[in-house]
N, C-alpha and C. Protein backbone atom coordinates (compact mmCIF):
# COMPACT_ATOMS: atom_id res chain seq x y z
N MET A 1 0.91 -1.09 0.18
CA MET A 1 -0.14 0.65 -0.08
C MET A 1 0.71 1.39 -0.02
N THR A 2 0.76 1.87 -0.82
CA THR A 2 1.58 3.44 -1.23
C THR A 2 0.99 4.73 0.34
N ARG A 3 2.23 5.52 0.36
CA ARG A 3 1.75 6.09 1.47
C ARG A 3 0.17 7.19 1.39
N HIS A 4 -0.12 7.36 -0.26
CA HIS A 4 -1.26 8.06 -0.64
C HIS A 4 -2.09 7.57 -0.11
N THR A 5 -2.62 5.92 -0.55
CA THR A 5 -2.80 5.04 -0.26
C THR A 5 -3.73 4.90 1.71
N ARG A 6 -2.43 4.95 1.87
CA ARG A 6 -2.70 5.18 3.18
C ARG A 6 -3.02 5.94 3.98
N ASN A 7 -3.23 7.30 3.61
CA ASN A 7 -3.49 8.47 4.05
C ASN A 7 -5.34 8.48 3.48
N VAL A 8 -5.26 8.15 2.22
CA VAL A 8 -6.77 7.92 2.25
C VAL A 8 -7.57 7.45 2.86
N ALA A 9 -7.20 5.89 3.47
CA ALA A 9 -7.58 4.79 3.90
C ALA A 9 -8.06 5.85 5.31
N PHE A 10 -7.09 5.95 5.64
CA PHE A 10 -7.25 7.16 7.24
C PHE A 10 -7.95 8.17 7.18
N ALA A 11 -7.86 8.88 6.09
CA ALA A 11 -9.19 9.59 6.18
C ALA A 11 -10.64 9.36 6.39
N LEU A 12 -10.52 8.22 5.32
CA LEU A 12 -12.19 7.43 5.54
C LEU A 12 -12.46 7.02 6.40
N LEU A 13 -11.29 6.02 7.01
CA LEU A 13 -11.23 5.77 8.91
C LEU A 13 -11.84 6.80 9.54
N GLY A 14 -11.41 8.34 9.30
CA GLY A 14 -11.41 8.88 10.42
C GLY A 14 -12.88 9.62 10.44
N LEU A 15 -13.64 9.31 8.75
CA LEU A 15 -14.51 10.38 8.75
C LEU A 15 -15.85 9.30 8.74
N ALA A 16 -15.28 7.41 9.47
CA ALA A 16 -16.92 7.06 9.07
C ALA A 16 -17.58 7.13 10.22
N PRO A 17 -17.64 7.30 11.61
CA PRO A 17 -18.46 7.84 12.48
C PRO A 17 -19.10 8.93 12.35
N ALA A 18 -18.92 9.99 11.15
CA ALA A 18 -19.32 10.90 10.81
C ALA A 18 -20.89 10.20 9.43
N LEU A 19 -19.85 9.71 8.55
CA LEU A 19 -20.65 9.02 7.59
C LEU A 19 -22.09 8.74 8.67
N VAL A 20 -21.73 7.65 9.42
CA VAL A 20 -22.77 6.65 9.96
C VAL A 20 -23.74 7.72 10.56
N ALA A 21 -23.09 8.80 11.40
CA ALA A 21 -24.08 8.89 11.98
C ALA A 21 -25.10 9.95 11.07
N TRP A 22 -24.27 10.70 10.12
CA TRP A 22 -24.92 10.71 9.24
C TRP A 22 -26.30 10.60 8.54
N SER A 23 -25.90 8.87 7.70
CA SER A 23 -26.99 7.98 7.48
C SER A 23 -28.05 7.81 8.12
N GLY A 24 -28.28 8.13 9.65
CA GLY A 24 -29.23 8.12 10.50
C GLY A 24 -29.54 9.52 10.76
N ALA A 25 -29.24 10.56 10.15
CA ALA A 25 -29.67 11.77 10.83
C ALA A 25 -31.61 11.52 11.02
N ALA A 26 -31.57 12.14 11.95
CA ALA A 26 -33.10 12.66 12.08
C ALA A 26 -33.14 14.04 12.19
N TRP A 27 -34.79 14.62 11.71
CA TRP A 27 -34.96 15.66 11.37
C TRP A 27 -35.87 15.85 12.22
N GLN A 28 -36.12 17.56 12.77
CA GLN A 28 -37.05 17.64 13.73
C GLN A 28 -38.21 18.62 13.45
N LEU A 29 -39.65 18.36 13.64
CA LEU A 29 -40.33 19.58 13.13
C LEU A 29 -39.87 20.43 14.70
N SER A 30 -40.42 21.80 14.71
CA SER A 30 -39.49 22.09 15.63
C SER A 30 -41.17 22.90 15.99
N LEU A 31 -41.81 23.59 17.46
CA LEU A 31 -42.62 24.06 17.98
C LEU A 31 -42.24 25.33 17.62
N VAL A 32 -43.87 26.15 16.98
CA VAL A 32 -43.39 27.52 17.09
C VAL A 32 -43.96 28.48 18.12
N ALA A 33 -43.72 29.42 18.99
CA ALA A 33 -44.07 29.77 20.24
C ALA A 33 -44.20 30.91 19.96
N PRO A 34 -45.01 31.92 20.44
CA PRO A 34 -46.08 31.86 20.94
C PRO A 34 -47.18 31.37 20.32
N LYS A 35 -47.59 31.30 19.49
CA LYS A 35 -48.26 31.03 18.51
C LYS A 35 -49.30 29.68 18.90
N SER A 36 -48.57 28.41 19.06
CA SER A 36 -49.02 27.19 19.98
C SER A 36 -49.46 27.05 21.04
N ARG A 37 -50.63 26.51 20.96
CA ARG A 37 -51.45 26.59 22.03
C ARG A 37 -51.92 25.18 22.44
N LEU A 38 -52.18 25.13 24.01
CA LEU A 38 -52.51 23.58 24.60
C LEU A 38 -53.74 24.18 25.29
N TRP A 39 -54.91 23.95 25.70
CA TRP A 39 -55.68 24.19 26.40
C TRP A 39 -56.42 22.93 26.98
N VAL A 40 -56.99 23.25 28.10
CA VAL A 40 -58.29 21.71 27.99
C VAL A 40 -59.45 22.96 28.80
N GLU A 41 -61.11 22.49 28.41
CA GLU A 41 -61.73 22.60 28.55
C GLU A 41 -62.62 21.73 29.42
N GLY A 42 -63.25 22.25 30.51
CA GLY A 42 -64.63 21.58 31.41
C GLY A 42 -65.47 22.46 31.79
N THR A 43 -66.59 21.46 32.28
CA THR A 43 -67.54 22.09 32.87
C THR A 43 -67.69 21.83 34.59
N SER A 44 -68.87 22.25 34.86
CA SER A 44 -69.23 22.03 36.67
C SER A 44 -70.77 22.25 36.66
N THR A 45 -71.06 22.41 37.88
CA THR A 45 -72.20 22.29 38.10
C THR A 45 -72.62 23.51 38.48
N VAL A 46 -71.65 24.74 38.22
CA VAL A 46 -72.00 25.88 38.10
C VAL A 46 -71.39 26.88 37.11
N ARG A 47 -70.22 26.63 36.65
CA ARG A 47 -69.92 27.38 34.93
C ARG A 47 -68.68 26.42 34.61
N GLY A 48 -68.40 26.87 32.94
CA GLY A 48 -67.38 26.30 32.29
C GLY A 48 -66.25 26.88 32.77
N PHE A 49 -65.22 26.28 32.70
CA PHE A 49 -63.87 26.57 33.04
C PHE A 49 -62.73 26.12 31.65
N THR A 50 -61.62 26.82 31.36
CA THR A 50 -60.37 26.55 30.56
C THR A 50 -59.49 26.55 31.29
N CYS A 51 -58.60 25.99 31.79
CA CYS A 51 -56.86 25.82 31.53
C CYS A 51 -56.08 25.52 30.90
N LYS A 52 -55.23 26.32 30.65
CA LYS A 52 -54.38 26.95 29.34
C LYS A 52 -52.95 26.13 30.20
N ALA A 53 -52.13 25.59 29.28
CA ALA A 53 -50.74 25.16 29.42
C ALA A 53 -49.97 26.26 29.02
N VAL A 54 -49.41 26.99 29.86
CA VAL A 54 -48.64 28.09 29.89
C VAL A 54 -47.32 27.64 29.76
N ALA A 55 -47.00 26.47 29.41
CA ALA A 55 -45.71 25.88 29.10
C ALA A 55 -45.80 24.34 28.54
N PHE A 56 -45.64 23.87 27.84
CA PHE A 56 -45.04 22.58 26.80
C PHE A 56 -44.60 22.41 25.80
N ASP A 57 -44.07 20.96 26.19
CA ASP A 57 -43.26 20.64 24.83
C ASP A 57 -43.57 19.78 23.66
N VAL A 58 -43.39 20.01 22.11
CA VAL A 58 -43.73 19.59 21.25
C VAL A 58 -42.38 18.24 20.79
N ALA A 59 -41.96 17.36 20.38
CA ALA A 59 -40.75 16.91 19.98
C ALA A 59 -41.50 15.82 18.86
N VAL A 60 -41.36 16.50 17.39
CA VAL A 60 -41.74 15.44 15.93
C VAL A 60 -40.65 14.88 15.80
N ASP A 61 -40.36 14.08 15.79
CA ASP A 61 -39.12 13.51 14.27
C ASP A 61 -39.83 13.26 13.26
N ALA A 62 -38.97 13.09 12.75
CA ALA A 62 -39.22 12.92 11.05
C ALA A 62 -38.04 12.34 10.16
N SER A 63 -38.19 12.25 9.12
CA SER A 63 -37.55 11.36 8.08
C SER A 63 -37.02 12.00 7.32
N ALA A 64 -37.14 12.78 6.70
CA ALA A 64 -36.83 14.00 5.62
C ALA A 64 -36.46 15.86 6.51
N PRO A 65 -35.72 16.08 5.60
CA PRO A 65 -35.75 17.41 6.19
C PRO A 65 -36.74 18.38 5.76
N ALA A 66 -37.66 18.37 4.76
CA ALA A 66 -38.76 19.28 4.37
C ALA A 66 -40.17 18.15 5.13
N ALA A 67 -40.11 17.92 6.57
CA ALA A 67 -41.14 16.63 6.63
C ALA A 67 -42.29 17.71 6.38
N ALA A 68 -42.46 18.90 6.93
CA ALA A 68 -44.35 19.82 6.56
C ALA A 68 -44.50 19.04 5.49
N ALA A 69 -44.08 19.91 4.24
CA ALA A 69 -44.41 19.41 3.10
C ALA A 69 -44.92 17.92 2.28
N ALA A 70 -43.75 17.02 2.86
CA ALA A 70 -43.79 15.41 2.85
C ALA A 70 -45.31 15.12 3.24
N ILE A 71 -45.06 15.76 4.95
CA ILE A 71 -46.48 15.44 4.90
C ILE A 71 -47.98 15.62 4.46
N MET A 72 -48.08 16.99 4.07
CA MET A 72 -49.53 17.28 2.99
C MET A 72 -49.63 16.52 1.76
N ASN A 73 -48.01 15.98 1.41
CA ASN A 73 -48.07 15.80 0.00
C ASN A 73 -48.95 14.11 0.64
N GLY A 74 -48.94 13.62 1.74
CA GLY A 74 -49.40 12.41 2.00
C GLY A 74 -48.23 11.43 2.75
N GLU A 75 -47.18 11.69 2.70
CA GLU A 75 -46.14 10.84 3.07
C GLU A 75 -46.00 10.95 4.75
N LYS A 76 -45.94 9.73 5.17
CA LYS A 76 -46.02 9.33 6.55
C LYS A 76 -44.40 9.22 6.75
N ALA A 77 -44.15 10.92 6.76
CA ALA A 77 -42.54 11.52 7.29
C ALA A 77 -42.57 11.35 8.61
N VAL A 78 -43.27 11.25 9.26
CA VAL A 78 -43.19 11.69 11.37
C VAL A 78 -42.72 10.17 11.71
N THR A 79 -42.05 10.02 12.20
CA THR A 79 -41.23 8.78 12.64
C THR A 79 -41.73 8.72 14.27
N GLY A 80 -42.14 9.84 15.14
CA GLY A 80 -42.20 9.90 16.48
C GLY A 80 -42.58 11.32 16.42
N VAL A 81 -42.98 11.23 18.17
CA VAL A 81 -44.10 12.15 18.75
C VAL A 81 -44.18 12.22 19.78
N ASN A 82 -43.82 13.27 21.05
CA ASN A 82 -44.04 13.52 22.19
C ASN A 82 -44.50 14.60 22.55
N VAL A 83 -45.01 14.45 23.26
CA VAL A 83 -45.77 15.71 23.84
C VAL A 83 -45.60 15.67 25.27
N THR A 84 -45.21 16.95 26.11
CA THR A 84 -45.03 16.37 27.43
C THR A 84 -45.57 18.22 27.99
N VAL A 85 -46.19 17.83 29.34
CA VAL A 85 -46.97 18.90 29.70
C VAL A 85 -46.46 19.25 31.37
N PRO A 86 -46.25 19.74 31.85
CA PRO A 86 -45.68 20.28 33.87
C PRO A 86 -47.03 20.05 33.93
N ALA A 87 -47.56 19.13 34.92
CA ALA A 87 -48.61 19.61 35.32
C ALA A 87 -49.28 20.96 35.81
N ALA A 88 -48.19 21.38 36.83
CA ALA A 88 -48.30 22.48 37.59
C ALA A 88 -47.77 23.75 36.23
N LYS A 89 -47.94 23.22 35.13
CA LYS A 89 -48.39 24.88 34.30
C LYS A 89 -49.06 25.12 33.83
N LEU A 90 -50.48 24.48 34.52
CA LEU A 90 -51.71 24.63 33.88
C LEU A 90 -51.93 25.39 34.28
N ASP A 91 -52.89 25.98 33.92
CA ASP A 91 -53.47 28.12 34.15
C ASP A 91 -55.18 27.69 34.26
N CYS A 92 -56.02 27.64 35.42
CA CYS A 92 -57.17 27.81 34.90
C CYS A 92 -57.72 29.46 35.33
N GLY A 93 -56.72 30.34 35.82
CA GLY A 93 -56.98 31.56 35.42
C GLY A 93 -57.76 31.77 36.72
N ASN A 94 -57.12 30.69 38.23
CA ASN A 94 -57.85 31.72 39.18
C ASN A 94 -57.02 30.53 40.12
N GLY A 95 -56.38 31.19 41.13
CA GLY A 95 -56.05 30.84 42.36
C GLY A 95 -56.48 29.49 43.14
N THR A 96 -57.50 29.46 43.41
CA THR A 96 -58.21 28.72 44.05
C THR A 96 -58.33 27.80 43.09
N MET A 97 -58.93 27.16 41.88
CA MET A 97 -58.82 26.94 40.69
C MET A 97 -57.97 25.79 40.43
N ASN A 98 -56.75 26.31 40.19
CA ASN A 98 -55.42 26.13 40.25
C ASN A 98 -55.32 24.91 41.15
N GLU A 99 -55.05 25.01 42.56
CA GLU A 99 -55.18 24.44 43.84
C GLU A 99 -55.48 23.15 43.72
N HIS A 100 -56.80 23.38 43.62
CA HIS A 100 -57.72 22.29 43.29
C HIS A 100 -57.40 20.89 42.33
N MET A 101 -57.07 21.64 40.91
CA MET A 101 -57.17 21.42 40.28
C MET A 101 -55.49 20.56 40.23
N TYR A 102 -54.14 20.95 40.82
CA TYR A 102 -53.23 20.07 40.83
C TYR A 102 -53.61 19.17 41.65
N LYS A 103 -54.37 18.98 42.62
CA LYS A 103 -54.39 18.34 43.58
C LYS A 103 -55.48 17.01 42.81
N ALA A 104 -56.28 17.30 41.98
CA ALA A 104 -56.77 16.64 41.41
C ALA A 104 -55.83 15.58 40.00
N ILE A 105 -55.11 16.10 39.72
CA ILE A 105 -54.30 15.59 38.83
C ILE A 105 -53.12 15.15 39.23
N LYS A 106 -52.60 15.28 40.52
CA LYS A 106 -51.32 14.41 41.72
C LYS A 106 -50.53 14.97 40.68
N ALA A 107 -50.40 16.84 40.83
CA ALA A 107 -49.24 17.25 40.37
C ALA A 107 -48.24 16.91 40.92
N LYS A 108 -48.33 16.76 42.26
CA LYS A 108 -47.19 16.83 42.89
C LYS A 108 -46.44 15.57 43.10
N ASP A 109 -46.83 14.43 42.83
CA ASP A 109 -46.58 12.72 42.65
C ASP A 109 -46.35 12.53 41.01
N ALA A 110 -46.82 13.19 40.33
CA ALA A 110 -47.14 12.94 39.19
C ALA A 110 -46.76 14.43 38.07
N PRO A 111 -45.69 14.65 38.36
CA PRO A 111 -45.63 16.41 37.47
C PRO A 111 -45.31 16.81 36.04
N THR A 112 -45.55 15.23 35.21
CA THR A 112 -46.00 15.50 33.90
C THR A 112 -46.52 14.83 33.33
N ILE A 113 -47.52 15.53 32.65
CA ILE A 113 -48.77 14.90 31.97
C ILE A 113 -47.58 14.80 30.25
N GLU A 114 -47.87 13.50 30.01
CA GLU A 114 -47.15 13.20 28.55
C GLU A 114 -48.32 12.10 27.32
N PHE A 115 -48.10 12.66 25.73
CA PHE A 115 -48.55 11.76 25.30
C PHE A 115 -47.27 10.97 24.30
N ARG A 116 -47.52 10.11 24.41
CA ARG A 116 -46.37 9.60 23.40
C ARG A 116 -46.73 9.26 22.37
N LEU A 117 -46.83 9.07 20.81
CA LEU A 117 -47.01 8.70 19.98
C LEU A 117 -46.37 6.93 19.70
N ALA A 118 -47.84 6.01 19.03
CA ALA A 118 -47.21 4.50 18.40
C ALA A 118 -47.10 4.35 17.42
N SER A 119 -48.14 5.32 16.53
CA SER A 119 -48.68 4.59 15.15
C SER A 119 -49.59 6.02 14.63
N TYR A 120 -49.70 5.80 13.52
CA TYR A 120 -50.75 6.67 13.06
C TYR A 120 -51.18 6.37 11.16
N GLU A 121 -52.27 6.85 11.38
CA GLU A 121 -52.44 6.52 10.02
C GLU A 121 -52.73 8.59 9.35
N MET A 122 -52.80 8.46 8.15
CA MET A 122 -52.99 9.96 7.69
C MET A 122 -54.23 9.51 5.91
N THR A 123 -55.32 10.24 5.69
CA THR A 123 -55.93 10.53 5.14
C THR A 123 -56.44 12.21 4.70
N LYS A 124 -56.09 12.07 2.90
CA LYS A 124 -57.12 13.42 2.38
C LYS A 124 -58.34 14.31 2.67
N GLY A 125 -58.26 15.04 3.46
CA GLY A 125 -59.84 15.66 3.50
C GLY A 125 -59.58 17.04 2.81
N ALA A 126 -60.86 17.59 3.04
CA ALA A 126 -61.34 18.55 2.69
C ALA A 126 -60.20 20.08 3.42
N SER A 127 -60.25 19.59 4.61
CA SER A 127 -59.08 20.91 5.08
C SER A 127 -57.86 20.56 5.75
N GLY A 128 -57.07 20.09 5.09
CA GLY A 128 -56.37 19.54 5.38
C GLY A 128 -56.03 17.75 4.58
N MET A 129 -54.39 17.10 5.59
CA MET A 129 -54.69 15.74 6.21
C MET A 129 -55.01 15.38 7.02
N GLN A 130 -56.06 14.88 7.31
CA GLN A 130 -56.51 14.28 8.51
C GLN A 130 -55.68 13.27 8.71
N GLY A 131 -55.96 13.23 10.01
CA GLY A 131 -54.79 11.90 10.84
C GLY A 131 -55.50 11.17 12.22
N ARG A 132 -55.19 10.33 12.54
CA ARG A 132 -55.97 9.43 13.65
C ARG A 132 -54.17 8.89 14.03
N LEU A 133 -54.14 9.41 15.36
CA LEU A 133 -53.07 8.95 16.25
C LEU A 133 -53.67 7.92 17.43
N THR A 134 -52.50 7.34 17.32
CA THR A 134 -52.84 6.22 18.47
C THR A 134 -51.08 6.28 18.97
N GLY A 135 -51.88 6.08 20.77
CA GLY A 135 -50.09 5.96 21.75
C GLY A 135 -50.77 5.90 22.99
N THR A 136 -49.20 6.54 23.89
CA THR A 136 -50.16 6.41 25.24
C THR A 136 -50.23 7.39 25.77
N LEU A 137 -50.94 7.81 26.62
CA LEU A 137 -50.97 9.14 27.54
C LEU A 137 -50.64 8.70 28.90
N THR A 138 -50.11 9.52 29.48
CA THR A 138 -49.62 9.32 31.48
C THR A 138 -50.10 11.09 31.79
N LEU A 139 -51.24 10.19 32.40
CA LEU A 139 -51.75 11.73 33.58
C LEU A 139 -52.04 10.77 34.34
N GLY A 140 -51.78 11.93 36.08
CA GLY A 140 -51.92 11.25 36.76
C GLY A 140 -50.90 10.23 37.42
N GLY A 141 -50.27 9.78 36.52
CA GLY A 141 -49.21 8.87 37.02
C GLY A 141 -50.09 7.42 36.27
N VAL A 142 -50.54 7.82 35.46
CA VAL A 142 -51.47 5.95 34.96
C VAL A 142 -50.97 6.35 33.27
N GLN A 143 -50.59 5.43 32.76
CA GLN A 143 -50.65 5.15 31.86
C GLN A 143 -51.44 4.57 30.86
N LYS A 144 -52.19 5.19 29.78
CA LYS A 144 -53.46 4.78 29.00
C LYS A 144 -53.41 4.77 28.14
N PRO A 145 -54.06 3.71 26.80
CA PRO A 145 -53.76 3.95 25.65
C PRO A 145 -54.78 4.93 24.79
N ILE A 146 -54.86 5.78 23.96
CA ILE A 146 -55.53 7.09 23.47
C ILE A 146 -55.64 6.62 22.17
N THR A 147 -56.31 7.06 21.28
CA THR A 147 -56.63 7.57 19.73
C THR A 147 -57.39 8.70 19.56
N VAL A 148 -56.63 9.88 18.64
CA VAL A 148 -56.59 11.18 18.39
C VAL A 148 -57.24 12.29 17.70
N GLU A 149 -57.80 12.37 16.89
CA GLU A 149 -57.87 12.96 15.56
C GLU A 149 -57.83 14.05 15.72
N ALA A 150 -56.75 14.59 14.78
CA ALA A 150 -55.89 15.75 14.42
C ALA A 150 -56.15 16.14 12.96
N THR A 151 -55.96 17.02 12.40
CA THR A 151 -56.58 17.98 11.44
C THR A 151 -54.56 18.38 10.73
N ALA A 152 -54.07 18.40 9.45
CA ALA A 152 -52.67 18.68 9.94
C ALA A 152 -52.87 19.71 8.35
N ALA A 153 -52.44 21.42 8.45
CA ALA A 153 -52.82 21.65 7.07
C ALA A 153 -51.56 22.91 6.93
N GLU A 154 -51.31 23.18 5.55
CA GLU A 154 -49.65 24.03 5.71
C GLU A 154 -50.62 25.34 5.81
N ASP A 155 -49.20 26.09 6.28
CA ASP A 155 -49.67 27.55 7.10
C ASP A 155 -48.02 27.43 7.10
N PRO A 156 -48.25 29.62 6.28
CA PRO A 156 -46.72 30.16 6.77
C PRO A 156 -45.29 29.59 7.44
N ALA A 157 -45.67 29.13 8.56
CA ALA A 157 -44.38 28.40 9.12
C ALA A 157 -44.33 26.86 8.73
N GLY A 158 -45.17 26.51 8.07
CA GLY A 158 -44.56 24.88 8.06
C GLY A 158 -46.07 24.62 7.78
N LEU A 159 -46.08 23.72 9.37
CA LEU A 159 -47.35 23.12 9.16
C LEU A 159 -47.94 23.66 10.63
N ARG A 160 -49.62 23.45 10.65
CA ARG A 160 -50.39 23.67 11.63
C ARG A 160 -51.15 22.29 11.93
N VAL A 161 -50.98 21.86 13.16
CA VAL A 161 -51.99 20.96 13.50
C VAL A 161 -52.82 21.06 14.92
N THR A 162 -54.09 20.60 14.52
CA THR A 162 -55.21 20.94 15.43
C THR A 162 -56.33 19.52 15.98
N GLY A 163 -56.64 19.56 16.76
CA GLY A 163 -57.02 18.46 17.06
C GLY A 163 -57.84 18.83 18.37
N MET A 164 -58.80 17.76 19.14
CA MET A 164 -59.26 17.66 20.54
C MET A 164 -59.34 16.30 20.74
N HIS A 165 -59.42 16.04 21.99
CA HIS A 165 -59.61 14.85 22.51
C HIS A 165 -59.95 15.04 23.84
N GLU A 166 -60.97 14.20 24.00
CA GLU A 166 -62.14 13.85 24.99
C GLU A 166 -61.45 12.95 26.45
N VAL A 167 -60.98 13.20 27.43
CA VAL A 167 -60.64 12.48 28.33
C VAL A 167 -61.59 12.16 29.53
N ARG A 168 -61.57 11.40 29.81
CA ARG A 168 -62.35 11.39 31.11
C ARG A 168 -61.45 10.63 32.79
N MET A 169 -61.43 11.77 33.42
CA MET A 169 -60.52 11.63 34.75
C MET A 169 -60.70 10.37 34.89
N LYS A 170 -62.03 9.89 35.55
CA LYS A 170 -61.90 8.66 36.58
C LYS A 170 -61.18 7.62 35.54
N GLU A 171 -60.89 7.67 34.51
CA GLU A 171 -60.25 6.62 33.90
C GLU A 171 -58.96 6.51 34.37
N PHE A 172 -58.09 7.43 35.05
CA PHE A 172 -57.13 7.59 35.04
C PHE A 172 -56.71 7.75 36.34
N GLY A 173 -57.83 7.22 37.08
CA GLY A 173 -57.85 7.45 38.56
C GLY A 173 -57.80 8.12 39.72
N LEU A 174 -58.75 9.12 38.40
CA LEU A 174 -58.90 10.80 38.98
C LEU A 174 -59.63 10.71 39.66
N LYS A 175 -60.00 12.68 40.53
CA LYS A 175 -61.11 12.23 40.66
C LYS A 175 -61.27 13.50 40.72
N PRO A 176 -62.08 13.97 40.04
CA PRO A 176 -62.70 15.57 39.85
C PRO A 176 -63.23 16.31 40.99
N PRO A 177 -62.01 17.97 40.69
CA PRO A 177 -62.55 18.46 41.96
C PRO A 177 -63.85 19.11 41.89
N THR A 178 -64.27 19.29 43.70
CA THR A 178 -65.24 20.29 44.03
C THR A 178 -64.32 21.40 45.08
N LEU A 179 -65.60 22.40 44.73
CA LEU A 179 -65.22 23.32 45.51
C LEU A 179 -66.20 24.27 45.99
N MET A 180 -66.28 25.05 46.79
CA MET A 180 -67.30 26.02 47.15
C MET A 180 -67.82 24.79 48.32
N MET A 181 -66.54 24.13 48.98
CA MET A 181 -67.77 23.38 50.18
C MET A 181 -68.57 22.28 49.06
N GLY A 182 -68.12 21.92 47.99
CA GLY A 182 -68.91 21.35 47.33
C GLY A 182 -70.05 21.43 46.80
N THR A 183 -70.12 22.36 46.66
CA THR A 183 -71.72 23.23 45.52
C THR A 183 -71.32 23.03 44.22
N MET A 184 -69.52 23.43 43.67
CA MET A 184 -69.29 23.65 42.87
C MET A 184 -68.31 22.04 42.70
N LYS A 185 -69.29 21.21 41.50
CA LYS A 185 -67.91 19.88 41.27
C LYS A 185 -67.80 20.11 39.76
N VAL A 186 -66.61 19.45 39.42
CA VAL A 186 -65.98 19.59 38.32
C VAL A 186 -66.74 18.10 37.31
N ASN A 187 -67.11 18.22 36.31
CA ASN A 187 -67.75 17.06 35.60
C ASN A 187 -66.08 16.10 35.28
N GLU A 188 -66.39 14.70 34.87
CA GLU A 188 -65.03 14.17 35.01
C GLU A 188 -64.59 14.59 33.40
N LEU A 189 -65.16 14.26 32.52
CA LEU A 189 -65.24 14.43 31.62
C LEU A 189 -64.48 15.78 30.68
N VAL A 190 -63.41 16.15 30.20
CA VAL A 190 -62.69 17.56 29.99
C VAL A 190 -62.26 17.36 28.08
N LYS A 191 -62.42 18.35 27.89
CA LYS A 191 -62.09 18.41 26.42
C LYS A 191 -60.29 18.65 26.68
N VAL A 192 -59.39 17.70 25.99
CA VAL A 192 -57.58 18.97 25.68
C VAL A 192 -58.01 18.83 24.28
N ASN A 193 -57.75 20.05 23.79
CA ASN A 193 -57.00 21.04 22.60
C ASN A 193 -55.77 21.56 22.57
N PHE A 194 -55.74 21.15 21.26
CA PHE A 194 -54.12 21.74 20.58
C PHE A 194 -54.33 22.25 19.50
N ASP A 195 -53.44 23.59 19.37
CA ASP A 195 -53.87 24.22 17.75
C ASP A 195 -51.80 23.98 17.64
N LEU A 196 -51.50 23.86 16.97
CA LEU A 196 -49.63 23.85 16.69
C LEU A 196 -49.55 24.09 15.93
N TYR A 197 -48.35 25.10 15.44
CA TYR A 197 -47.35 25.30 14.73
C TYR A 197 -46.12 24.74 14.84
N LEU A 198 -45.96 24.44 13.79
CA LEU A 198 -44.56 23.37 13.16
C LEU A 198 -43.68 24.02 12.55
N LYS A 199 -42.32 23.75 12.57
CA LYS A 199 -41.86 23.84 10.55
C LYS A 199 -40.21 23.15 11.19
N SER A 200 -40.34 22.60 9.44
CA SER A 200 -39.18 22.09 9.36
C SER A 200 -37.65 22.45 10.47
């Protein structure tokens, strides 16, 4: 082996880790803040309420750098989705309501609410791509399989994903809050809404 050949071989060996990393590279769709929103709506024996997630994170792994465009073309470019919400970052706009909600969802013992995608299906709809997402929801320390309906539409930022999922608190072993010495009782069925802006 000539000196030149040896140098080339050593150079290729040196590049090997980088080439392996590049070949298995993962791209992500990043969350656009503060446009993105996630909130919970519920009702009680007295009035309705809304609790906004003032902080949350959405990690979307993709198989291509231009994932937003690929999704709108009907390609299954998403390889993983993980949504995390700090339980203590849900704000119901009322200190007393916040206190009762944190206790109800066991925020102290289970500080993170999480959805992790397992699989999904997509179809073309009138208002964009319709998605059916199957995964696990962890709430109050209890993990349950759920299926979420979502819509993806083109946006100047890249991709807008919207949807709503109904959650029954008792299915996660949670007791709905009661206020005002029991005169106000929160219904166990709450609606989790999301309006997410993602860019490649």
